[in-house]
């Protein structure tokens, strides 16, 4: 089911039909210049192709908002460029291509549950969590005497992702990572 929404009511995370294809709004900026009409500038992800595009909607235009379902699936394994998931309730298995998962591929972990976006009874993307927790599997010990608050060191977490962490983090610690920036957030419990 589609609903028509004015462009001044577009929001980040909204799903719309644009040029006949489903898109997800990634960024939104409403601009009201001193002269001329207001407009809404957006960045959106084409959920069919995975391409990121920018577009400017004029004030008063309308967009077709689409209804999607968000279904929890367990990540099973990668097979070439296909990433396989299983619905925890129906045990149905689906595959998503690299383009539909995006940068989050580096954080996928077998056995974890993720939210899959379903439109028109077919999976069209993965809704990545903002933060994830991973165990540190490799890092160097802090050097004695280095007490700077901003000092960092390299660490590798399960799955092979490498990032900068504070000096007090050691192998075996669980840390939270921001999936948008790829940066350390905090030590997890």
N, C-alpha and C. Protein backbone atom coordinates (compact mmCIF):
# COMPACT_ATOMS: atom_id res chain seq x y z
N UNK A 1 0.84 -1.17 0.00
CA UNK A 1 0.00 0.00 0.00
C UNK A 1 0.88 1.24 0.00
N UNK A 2 0.54 2.21 -0.83
CA UNK A 2 1.30 3.44 -0.93
C UNK A 2 0.46 4.60 -0.43
N UNK A 3 1.12 5.56 0.19
CA UNK A 3 0.45 6.79 0.59
C UNK A 3 1.24 7.94 0.00
N UNK A 4 0.55 9.03 -0.26
CA UNK A 4 1.20 10.21 -0.82
C UNK A 4 1.54 11.15 0.33
N UNK A 5 2.78 11.62 0.38
CA UNK A 5 3.22 12.51 1.45
C UNK A 5 3.84 13.76 0.83
N UNK A 6 3.60 14.93 1.44
CA UNK A 6 4.26 16.14 0.95
C UNK A 6 5.76 16.09 1.22
N UNK A 7 6.55 16.70 0.34
CA UNK A 7 8.00 16.62 0.47
C UNK A 7 8.54 17.31 1.72
N UNK A 8 7.78 18.24 2.30
CA UNK A 8 8.26 18.87 3.54
C UNK A 8 8.11 17.94 4.75
N UNK A 9 7.49 16.77 4.53
CA UNK A 9 7.35 15.79 5.60
C UNK A 9 8.24 14.57 5.40
N UNK A 10 9.19 14.67 4.47
CA UNK A 10 10.15 13.58 4.26
C UNK A 10 11.04 13.47 5.51
N UNK A 11 11.38 12.24 5.88
CA UNK A 11 12.25 12.04 7.05
C UNK A 11 13.28 10.96 6.77
N UNK A 12 14.37 11.02 7.51
CA UNK A 12 15.44 10.02 7.39
C UNK A 12 14.90 8.66 7.77
N UNK A 13 15.18 7.65 6.94
CA UNK A 13 14.70 6.30 7.20
C UNK A 13 13.40 5.98 6.50
N UNK A 14 12.79 6.96 5.84
CA UNK A 14 11.52 6.76 5.14
C UNK A 14 11.76 5.97 3.84
N UNK A 15 10.79 5.16 3.47
CA UNK A 15 10.85 4.40 2.23
C UNK A 15 9.87 5.02 1.24
N UNK A 16 10.39 5.36 0.04
CA UNK A 16 9.54 5.99 -0.98
C UNK A 16 9.72 5.28 -2.32
N UNK A 17 8.76 5.49 -3.20
CA UNK A 17 8.86 5.01 -4.57
C UNK A 17 9.30 6.20 -5.41
N UNK A 18 10.48 6.13 -6.02
CA UNK A 18 11.03 7.22 -6.80
C UNK A 18 11.42 6.67 -8.16
N UNK A 19 10.87 7.26 -9.21
CA UNK A 19 11.10 6.80 -10.58
C UNK A 19 10.81 5.31 -10.71
N UNK A 20 9.74 4.87 -10.05
CA UNK A 20 9.28 3.49 -10.18
C UNK A 20 10.04 2.46 -9.38
N UNK A 21 11.02 2.89 -8.56
CA UNK A 21 11.81 1.94 -7.78
C UNK A 21 11.81 2.34 -6.31
N UNK A 22 11.89 1.36 -5.40
CA UNK A 22 11.90 1.67 -3.96
C UNK A 22 13.24 2.29 -3.55
N UNK A 23 13.16 3.32 -2.72
CA UNK A 23 14.33 4.01 -2.19
C UNK A 23 14.17 4.22 -0.69
N UNK A 24 15.30 4.32 -0.01
CA UNK A 24 15.33 4.61 1.42
C UNK A 24 16.03 5.95 1.60
N UNK A 25 15.40 6.88 2.32
CA UNK A 25 15.99 8.20 2.56
C UNK A 25 17.11 8.04 3.59
N UNK A 26 18.33 8.43 3.20
CA UNK A 26 19.50 8.32 4.06
C UNK A 26 19.78 9.64 4.78
N UNK A 27 19.68 10.75 4.03
CA UNK A 27 19.88 12.08 4.59
C UNK A 27 18.81 13.00 4.06
N UNK A 28 18.44 14.00 4.86
CA UNK A 28 17.40 14.95 4.47
C UNK A 28 17.75 16.32 5.00
N UNK A 29 17.60 17.33 4.13
CA UNK A 29 17.85 18.71 4.54
C UNK A 29 16.75 19.59 3.96
N UNK A 30 16.00 20.25 4.83
CA UNK A 30 14.95 21.18 4.39
C UNK A 30 15.58 22.56 4.30
N UNK A 31 15.45 23.21 3.14
CA UNK A 31 16.07 24.52 2.93
C UNK A 31 14.98 25.53 2.60
N UNK A 32 14.97 26.64 3.34
CA UNK A 32 14.02 27.71 3.10
C UNK A 32 14.81 29.00 2.85
N UNK A 33 15.19 29.25 1.60
CA UNK A 33 16.01 30.44 1.31
C UNK A 33 15.20 31.73 1.51
N UNK A 34 15.91 32.84 1.66
CA UNK A 34 15.23 34.13 1.82
C UNK A 34 14.38 34.48 0.61
N UNK A 35 14.88 34.19 -0.57
CA UNK A 35 14.14 34.43 -1.80
C UNK A 35 13.85 33.10 -2.46
N UNK A 36 12.73 32.98 -3.07
CA UNK A 36 12.40 31.75 -3.78
C UNK A 36 11.68 30.75 -2.89
N UNK A 37 11.38 29.62 -3.51
CA UNK A 37 10.62 28.57 -2.82
C UNK A 37 11.52 27.69 -1.97
N UNK A 38 10.94 27.15 -0.93
CA UNK A 38 11.65 26.17 -0.10
C UNK A 38 11.79 24.87 -0.87
N UNK A 39 12.76 24.07 -0.47
CA UNK A 39 12.96 22.76 -1.10
C UNK A 39 13.55 21.79 -0.09
N UNK A 40 13.48 20.51 -0.42
CA UNK A 40 14.04 19.47 0.43
C UNK A 40 15.08 18.71 -0.38
N UNK A 41 16.32 18.71 0.11
CA UNK A 41 17.42 18.01 -0.54
C UNK A 41 17.61 16.69 0.19
N UNK A 42 17.65 15.58 -0.57
CA UNK A 42 17.81 14.26 0.05
C UNK A 42 18.91 13.46 -0.61
N UNK A 43 19.46 12.53 0.17
CA UNK A 43 20.29 11.46 -0.36
C UNK A 43 19.50 10.21 -0.09
N UNK A 44 19.38 9.36 -1.10
CA UNK A 44 18.60 8.14 -0.91
C UNK A 44 19.29 6.98 -1.59
N UNK A 45 19.01 5.81 -1.04
CA UNK A 45 19.58 4.57 -1.52
C UNK A 45 18.54 3.84 -2.35
N UNK A 46 18.89 3.53 -3.62
CA UNK A 46 18.00 2.74 -4.47
C UNK A 46 18.06 1.30 -3.96
N UNK A 47 16.94 0.78 -3.50
CA UNK A 47 16.94 -0.55 -2.89
C UNK A 47 16.96 -1.67 -3.92
N UNK A 48 16.81 -1.34 -5.19
CA UNK A 48 16.92 -2.34 -6.26
C UNK A 48 18.37 -2.51 -6.68
N UNK A 49 19.08 -1.38 -6.82
CA UNK A 49 20.43 -1.42 -7.36
C UNK A 49 21.51 -1.18 -6.32
N UNK A 50 21.13 -0.60 -5.17
CA UNK A 50 22.11 -0.28 -4.14
C UNK A 50 22.81 1.05 -4.37
N UNK A 51 22.48 1.76 -5.46
CA UNK A 51 23.14 3.03 -5.76
C UNK A 51 22.61 4.15 -4.87
N UNK A 52 23.51 5.03 -4.46
CA UNK A 52 23.18 6.20 -3.66
C UNK A 52 23.00 7.38 -4.60
N UNK A 53 21.88 8.07 -4.51
CA UNK A 53 21.64 9.23 -5.36
C UNK A 53 21.20 10.41 -4.53
N UNK A 54 21.43 11.61 -5.08
CA UNK A 54 20.97 12.85 -4.46
C UNK A 54 19.87 13.42 -5.32
N UNK A 55 18.89 14.05 -4.69
CA UNK A 55 17.79 14.66 -5.44
C UNK A 55 17.22 15.80 -4.62
N UNK A 56 16.70 16.81 -5.32
CA UNK A 56 16.09 17.95 -4.66
C UNK A 56 14.61 18.01 -5.03
N UNK A 57 13.75 17.93 -4.02
CA UNK A 57 12.31 18.03 -4.22
C UNK A 57 11.88 19.48 -3.98
N UNK A 58 11.10 20.02 -4.88
CA UNK A 58 10.58 21.38 -4.72
C UNK A 58 9.46 21.36 -3.69
N UNK A 59 9.28 22.49 -3.03
CA UNK A 59 8.20 22.61 -2.05
C UNK A 59 6.86 22.37 -2.75
N UNK A 60 5.99 21.62 -2.13
CA UNK A 60 4.68 21.34 -2.69
C UNK A 60 4.61 20.05 -3.49
N UNK A 61 5.77 19.49 -3.86
CA UNK A 61 5.76 18.20 -4.56
C UNK A 61 5.36 17.12 -3.57
N UNK A 62 4.95 16.00 -4.10
CA UNK A 62 4.55 14.87 -3.26
C UNK A 62 5.36 13.64 -3.65
N UNK A 63 5.57 12.77 -2.67
CA UNK A 63 6.27 11.50 -2.91
C UNK A 63 5.34 10.35 -2.55
N UNK A 64 5.56 9.23 -3.19
CA UNK A 64 4.82 8.02 -2.87
C UNK A 64 5.56 7.27 -1.78
N UNK A 65 5.00 7.29 -0.58
CA UNK A 65 5.60 6.55 0.53
C UNK A 65 5.15 5.10 0.42
N UNK A 66 6.08 4.16 0.53
CA UNK A 66 5.73 2.75 0.40
C UNK A 66 5.80 2.06 1.75
N UNK A 67 5.02 1.02 1.86
CA UNK A 67 5.00 0.24 3.09
C UNK A 67 5.93 -0.95 2.92
N UNK A 68 6.85 -1.09 3.86
CA UNK A 68 7.77 -2.22 3.85
C UNK A 68 7.58 -3.00 5.14
N UNK A 69 7.99 -4.23 5.11
CA UNK A 69 8.01 -5.06 6.32
C UNK A 69 9.45 -5.23 6.75
N UNK A 70 9.66 -5.24 8.04
CA UNK A 70 10.99 -5.49 8.60
C UNK A 70 10.90 -6.84 9.30
N UNK A 71 11.68 -7.79 8.80
CA UNK A 71 11.62 -9.17 9.30
C UNK A 71 12.99 -9.58 9.82
N UNK A 72 13.01 -10.24 10.97
CA UNK A 72 14.27 -10.69 11.56
C UNK A 72 14.73 -11.99 10.91
N UNK A 73 15.97 -11.97 10.45
CA UNK A 73 16.61 -13.15 9.84
C UNK A 73 17.94 -13.39 10.53
N UNK A 74 18.35 -14.65 10.55
CA UNK A 74 19.66 -15.01 11.10
C UNK A 74 20.64 -15.13 9.93
N UNK A 75 21.82 -14.52 10.10
CA UNK A 75 22.85 -14.63 9.06
C UNK A 75 23.49 -16.00 9.16
N UNK A 76 23.52 -16.73 8.03
CA UNK A 76 24.07 -18.07 8.01
C UNK A 76 25.51 -18.12 7.50
N UNK A 77 25.72 -17.70 6.25
CA UNK A 77 27.05 -17.81 5.65
C UNK A 77 27.11 -17.00 4.35
N UNK A 78 28.35 -16.77 3.89
CA UNK A 78 28.57 -16.11 2.60
C UNK A 78 28.93 -17.18 1.58
N UNK A 79 28.45 -16.99 0.36
CA UNK A 79 28.73 -17.91 -0.72
C UNK A 79 29.06 -17.06 -1.95
N UNK A 80 30.35 -16.77 -2.12
CA UNK A 80 30.75 -15.86 -3.20
C UNK A 80 30.26 -14.46 -2.90
N UNK A 81 29.44 -13.89 -3.77
CA UNK A 81 28.89 -12.55 -3.56
C UNK A 81 27.48 -12.58 -2.97
N UNK A 82 27.02 -13.77 -2.56
CA UNK A 82 25.71 -13.91 -1.95
C UNK A 82 25.87 -14.12 -0.44
N UNK A 83 24.98 -13.47 0.29
CA UNK A 83 24.98 -13.58 1.75
C UNK A 83 23.65 -14.19 2.15
N UNK A 84 23.71 -15.34 2.81
CA UNK A 84 22.52 -16.15 3.06
C UNK A 84 21.99 -15.97 4.48
N UNK A 85 20.67 -15.80 4.56
CA UNK A 85 19.96 -15.56 5.82
C UNK A 85 18.80 -16.52 5.93
N UNK A 86 18.36 -16.77 7.19
CA UNK A 86 17.22 -17.66 7.43
C UNK A 86 16.22 -16.95 8.33
N UNK A 87 14.94 -17.00 7.94
CA UNK A 87 13.86 -16.47 8.75
C UNK A 87 13.74 -17.38 9.98
N UNK A 88 13.77 -16.79 11.17
CA UNK A 88 13.75 -17.57 12.41
C UNK A 88 12.42 -18.24 12.69
N UNK A 89 11.35 -17.75 12.07
CA UNK A 89 10.03 -18.34 12.31
C UNK A 89 9.64 -19.37 11.26
N UNK A 90 9.89 -19.05 9.99
CA UNK A 90 9.46 -19.94 8.90
C UNK A 90 10.58 -20.84 8.39
N UNK A 91 11.83 -20.54 8.78
CA UNK A 91 13.03 -21.25 8.32
C UNK A 91 13.29 -21.07 6.83
N UNK A 92 12.58 -20.14 6.20
CA UNK A 92 12.82 -19.80 4.80
C UNK A 92 14.20 -19.16 4.68
N UNK A 93 14.93 -19.51 3.63
CA UNK A 93 16.25 -18.93 3.42
C UNK A 93 16.22 -17.98 2.23
N UNK A 94 16.97 -16.87 2.37
CA UNK A 94 17.08 -15.89 1.29
C UNK A 94 18.55 -15.53 1.11
N UNK A 95 18.86 -14.97 -0.05
CA UNK A 95 20.21 -14.47 -0.32
C UNK A 95 20.13 -13.00 -0.66
N UNK A 96 21.07 -12.24 -0.14
CA UNK A 96 21.19 -10.83 -0.48
C UNK A 96 22.55 -10.62 -1.12
N UNK A 97 22.60 -9.80 -2.15
CA UNK A 97 23.86 -9.44 -2.78
C UNK A 97 24.58 -8.38 -1.99
N UNK A 98 25.86 -8.23 -2.27
CA UNK A 98 26.71 -7.25 -1.61
C UNK A 98 26.13 -5.83 -1.71
N UNK A 99 25.55 -5.50 -2.86
CA UNK A 99 25.02 -4.16 -3.08
C UNK A 99 23.84 -3.85 -2.17
N UNK A 100 23.08 -4.86 -1.75
CA UNK A 100 21.93 -4.62 -0.88
C UNK A 100 22.30 -4.55 0.60
N UNK A 101 23.49 -5.00 0.93
CA UNK A 101 23.95 -4.94 2.32
C UNK A 101 24.82 -3.71 2.55
N UNK A 102 25.56 -3.33 1.55
CA UNK A 102 26.39 -2.13 1.63
C UNK A 102 27.60 -2.32 2.51
N UNK A 103 28.03 -1.23 3.14
CA UNK A 103 29.24 -1.22 3.96
C UNK A 103 29.13 -2.12 5.20
N UNK A 104 27.92 -2.50 5.57
CA UNK A 104 27.74 -3.31 6.77
C UNK A 104 28.32 -4.72 6.61
N UNK A 105 28.66 -5.11 5.39
CA UNK A 105 29.24 -6.44 5.15
C UNK A 105 30.41 -6.72 6.07
N UNK A 106 31.23 -5.71 6.34
CA UNK A 106 32.41 -5.91 7.17
C UNK A 106 32.07 -6.26 8.62
N UNK A 107 30.79 -6.09 9.01
CA UNK A 107 30.39 -6.37 10.39
C UNK A 107 29.52 -7.62 10.52
N UNK A 108 29.12 -8.23 9.40
CA UNK A 108 28.27 -9.42 9.48
C UNK A 108 28.95 -10.51 10.30
N UNK A 109 28.15 -11.19 11.12
CA UNK A 109 28.68 -12.27 11.95
C UNK A 109 27.71 -13.44 11.89
N UNK A 110 28.24 -14.60 11.53
CA UNK A 110 27.41 -15.80 11.43
C UNK A 110 26.69 -16.05 12.75
N UNK A 111 25.41 -16.41 12.64
CA UNK A 111 24.61 -16.72 13.81
C UNK A 111 23.88 -15.53 14.41
N UNK A 112 24.26 -14.30 14.03
CA UNK A 112 23.57 -13.12 14.57
C UNK A 112 22.30 -12.83 13.77
N UNK A 113 21.34 -12.21 14.45
CA UNK A 113 20.08 -11.83 13.82
C UNK A 113 20.16 -10.40 13.31
N UNK A 114 19.59 -10.18 12.13
CA UNK A 114 19.56 -8.86 11.50
C UNK A 114 18.17 -8.61 10.95
N UNK A 115 17.85 -7.33 10.79
CA UNK A 115 16.55 -6.95 10.24
C UNK A 115 16.66 -6.79 8.73
N UNK A 116 15.82 -7.53 8.01
CA UNK A 116 15.79 -7.49 6.55
C UNK A 116 14.55 -6.72 6.13
N UNK A 117 14.73 -5.80 5.17
CA UNK A 117 13.63 -5.00 4.65
C UNK A 117 12.99 -5.78 3.50
N UNK A 118 11.66 -5.99 3.60
CA UNK A 118 10.92 -6.74 2.59
C UNK A 118 9.87 -5.82 1.96
N UNK A 119 9.90 -5.72 0.64
CA UNK A 119 8.93 -4.91 -0.10
C UNK A 119 8.34 -5.77 -1.21
N UNK A 120 7.03 -5.78 -1.31
CA UNK A 120 6.35 -6.54 -2.36
C UNK A 120 6.76 -8.03 -2.29
N UNK A 121 6.84 -8.56 -1.08
CA UNK A 121 7.17 -9.97 -0.80
C UNK A 121 8.57 -10.40 -1.25
N UNK A 122 9.50 -9.45 -1.36
CA UNK A 122 10.88 -9.83 -1.69
C UNK A 122 11.84 -8.98 -0.88
N UNK A 123 12.96 -9.58 -0.45
CA UNK A 123 13.94 -8.83 0.34
C UNK A 123 14.64 -7.79 -0.53
N UNK A 124 14.74 -6.56 0.01
CA UNK A 124 15.38 -5.51 -0.78
C UNK A 124 16.53 -4.84 -0.02
N UNK A 125 16.85 -5.31 1.15
CA UNK A 125 17.98 -4.72 1.86
C UNK A 125 18.06 -5.16 3.30
N UNK A 126 19.15 -4.75 3.93
CA UNK A 126 19.39 -5.05 5.33
C UNK A 126 19.37 -3.73 6.09
N UNK A 127 18.63 -3.68 7.18
CA UNK A 127 18.57 -2.49 8.02
C UNK A 127 19.65 -2.65 9.09
N UNK A 128 20.77 -1.99 8.86
CA UNK A 128 21.92 -2.17 9.74
C UNK A 128 21.70 -1.51 11.09
N UNK A 129 22.09 -2.18 12.17
CA UNK A 129 22.01 -1.55 13.49
C UNK A 129 23.05 -0.43 13.58
N UNK A 130 22.78 0.59 14.38
CA UNK A 130 23.71 1.70 14.52
C UNK A 130 24.96 1.30 15.29
N UNK A 131 24.79 0.39 16.28
CA UNK A 131 25.93 -0.09 17.07
C UNK A 131 25.92 -1.60 17.11
N UNK A 132 27.11 -2.17 17.12
CA UNK A 132 27.26 -3.62 17.30
C UNK A 132 28.33 -3.85 18.36
N UNK A 133 28.33 -5.06 18.92
CA UNK A 133 29.36 -5.43 19.89
C UNK A 133 30.19 -6.56 19.31
N UNK A 134 31.49 -6.43 19.45
CA UNK A 134 32.42 -7.45 18.98
C UNK A 134 33.52 -7.65 20.01
N UNK A 135 34.10 -8.87 20.02
CA UNK A 135 35.20 -9.19 20.91
C UNK A 135 36.52 -8.84 20.23
N UNK A 136 37.44 -8.24 20.99
CA UNK A 136 38.77 -7.92 20.48
C UNK A 136 39.58 -9.22 20.44
N UNK A 137 40.10 -9.56 19.25
CA UNK A 137 40.87 -10.80 19.13
C UNK A 137 42.36 -10.55 18.99
N UNK A 138 42.74 -9.29 18.68
CA UNK A 138 44.17 -8.99 18.57
C UNK A 138 44.41 -7.51 18.80
N UNK A 139 45.35 -7.19 19.67
CA UNK A 139 45.81 -5.82 19.90
C UNK A 139 47.10 -5.89 20.69
N UNK A 140 47.87 -4.84 20.62
CA UNK A 140 49.13 -4.79 21.37
C UNK A 140 48.84 -4.27 22.78
N UNK A 141 49.70 -4.65 23.73
CA UNK A 141 49.56 -4.15 25.10
C UNK A 141 49.92 -2.67 25.13
N UNK A 142 49.32 -1.94 26.04
CA UNK A 142 49.63 -0.52 26.21
C UNK A 142 51.08 -0.36 26.66
N UNK A 143 51.72 0.69 26.22
CA UNK A 143 53.10 0.96 26.61
C UNK A 143 53.08 1.72 27.93
N UNK A 144 53.84 1.25 28.90
CA UNK A 144 53.87 1.87 30.22
C UNK A 144 54.35 3.31 30.10
N UNK A 145 53.64 4.21 30.76
CA UNK A 145 54.02 5.61 30.75
C UNK A 145 53.25 6.43 29.73
N UNK A 146 52.56 5.79 28.83
CA UNK A 146 51.77 6.51 27.84
C UNK A 146 50.40 6.76 28.45
N UNK A 147 50.17 7.95 28.97
CA UNK A 147 48.94 8.24 29.70
C UNK A 147 48.07 9.28 29.02
N UNK A 148 48.36 9.60 27.80
CA UNK A 148 47.55 10.59 27.08
C UNK A 148 46.11 10.08 26.96
N UNK A 149 45.14 10.96 27.20
CA UNK A 149 43.73 10.57 27.12
C UNK A 149 43.29 10.25 25.71
N UNK A 150 44.00 10.79 24.73
CA UNK A 150 43.58 10.58 23.34
C UNK A 150 44.41 9.53 22.62
N UNK A 151 45.34 8.90 23.30
CA UNK A 151 46.19 7.90 22.67
C UNK A 151 45.36 6.67 22.31
N UNK A 152 45.61 6.14 21.12
CA UNK A 152 44.90 4.95 20.67
C UNK A 152 45.90 3.94 20.10
N UNK A 153 45.39 2.76 19.86
CA UNK A 153 46.17 1.69 19.24
C UNK A 153 45.25 0.92 18.31
N UNK A 154 45.80 0.14 17.43
CA UNK A 154 45.02 -0.68 16.50
C UNK A 154 44.55 -1.95 17.21
N UNK A 155 43.33 -2.36 16.87
CA UNK A 155 42.79 -3.62 17.40
C UNK A 155 42.00 -4.29 16.29
N UNK A 156 42.00 -5.60 16.30
CA UNK A 156 41.21 -6.38 15.36
C UNK A 156 40.13 -7.10 16.16
N UNK A 157 38.89 -7.01 15.66
CA UNK A 157 37.78 -7.68 16.34
C UNK A 157 37.37 -8.91 15.55
N UNK A 158 36.57 -9.77 16.19
CA UNK A 158 36.10 -10.97 15.51
C UNK A 158 35.45 -10.57 14.18
N UNK A 159 35.73 -11.33 13.16
CA UNK A 159 35.26 -10.98 11.82
C UNK A 159 36.35 -10.30 11.01
N UNK A 160 37.44 -9.86 11.69
CA UNK A 160 38.57 -9.30 10.98
C UNK A 160 38.59 -7.79 10.82
N UNK A 161 37.57 -7.09 11.32
CA UNK A 161 37.55 -5.63 11.18
C UNK A 161 38.59 -5.00 12.10
N UNK A 162 39.35 -4.02 11.58
CA UNK A 162 40.39 -3.36 12.36
C UNK A 162 40.01 -1.91 12.60
N UNK A 163 40.24 -1.42 13.83
CA UNK A 163 39.91 -0.05 14.18
C UNK A 163 40.83 0.44 15.29
N UNK A 164 40.77 1.77 15.55
CA UNK A 164 41.53 2.37 16.65
C UNK A 164 40.71 2.27 17.93
N UNK A 165 41.39 1.89 19.01
CA UNK A 165 40.74 1.77 20.32
C UNK A 165 41.62 2.46 21.37
N UNK A 166 41.05 2.83 22.52
CA UNK A 166 41.87 3.39 23.60
C UNK A 166 42.89 2.37 24.10
N UNK A 167 43.93 2.88 24.74
CA UNK A 167 45.04 2.02 25.19
C UNK A 167 44.63 0.96 26.21
N UNK A 168 43.56 1.21 26.99
CA UNK A 168 43.19 0.26 28.04
C UNK A 168 42.46 -0.99 27.51
N UNK A 169 42.09 -1.00 26.25
CA UNK A 169 41.40 -2.17 25.67
C UNK A 169 42.42 -3.29 25.45
N UNK A 170 42.02 -4.52 25.82
CA UNK A 170 42.92 -5.66 25.65
C UNK A 170 42.18 -6.82 24.99
N UNK A 171 42.93 -7.81 24.57
CA UNK A 171 42.36 -9.00 23.93
C UNK A 171 41.34 -9.63 24.87
N UNK A 172 40.18 -9.98 24.32
CA UNK A 172 39.11 -10.59 25.11
C UNK A 172 38.04 -9.60 25.51
N UNK A 173 38.35 -8.29 25.48
CA UNK A 173 37.34 -7.28 25.81
C UNK A 173 36.29 -7.24 24.70
N UNK A 174 35.04 -6.94 25.11
CA UNK A 174 33.98 -6.68 24.13
C UNK A 174 33.81 -5.18 24.01
N UNK A 175 33.73 -4.71 22.76
CA UNK A 175 33.58 -3.27 22.55
C UNK A 175 32.38 -3.00 21.65
N UNK A 176 31.84 -1.79 21.76
CA UNK A 176 30.77 -1.34 20.87
C UNK A 176 31.39 -0.52 19.75
N UNK A 177 30.89 -0.73 18.52
CA UNK A 177 31.39 -0.04 17.34
C UNK A 177 30.22 0.64 16.65
N UNK A 178 30.39 1.90 16.26
CA UNK A 178 29.40 2.62 15.48
C UNK A 178 29.52 2.12 14.04
N UNK A 179 28.45 1.54 13.49
CA UNK A 179 28.53 0.94 12.16
C UNK A 179 28.55 1.97 11.04
N UNK A 180 28.11 3.20 11.30
CA UNK A 180 28.16 4.23 10.26
C UNK A 180 29.57 4.78 10.10
N UNK A 181 30.24 5.04 11.22
CA UNK A 181 31.59 5.61 11.16
C UNK A 181 32.68 4.54 11.22
N UNK A 182 32.35 3.35 11.76
CA UNK A 182 33.33 2.30 11.93
C UNK A 182 34.26 2.54 13.11
N UNK A 183 33.86 3.44 14.01
CA UNK A 183 34.72 3.83 15.12
C UNK A 183 34.28 3.22 16.45
N UNK A 184 35.27 3.11 17.34
CA UNK A 184 35.04 2.63 18.71
C UNK A 184 34.08 3.57 19.43
N UNK A 185 33.13 2.99 20.19
CA UNK A 185 32.20 3.80 20.97
C UNK A 185 32.50 3.67 22.46
N UNK A 186 32.53 2.41 22.94
CA UNK A 186 32.74 2.18 24.37
C UNK A 186 33.06 0.71 24.62
N UNK A 187 33.53 0.44 25.83
CA UNK A 187 33.70 -0.95 26.24
C UNK A 187 32.33 -1.50 26.57
N UNK A 188 32.01 -2.68 26.08
CA UNK A 188 30.69 -3.27 26.32
C UNK A 188 30.74 -4.15 27.56
N UNK A 189 29.57 -4.40 28.12
CA UNK A 189 29.48 -5.25 29.31
C UNK A 189 29.47 -6.70 28.94
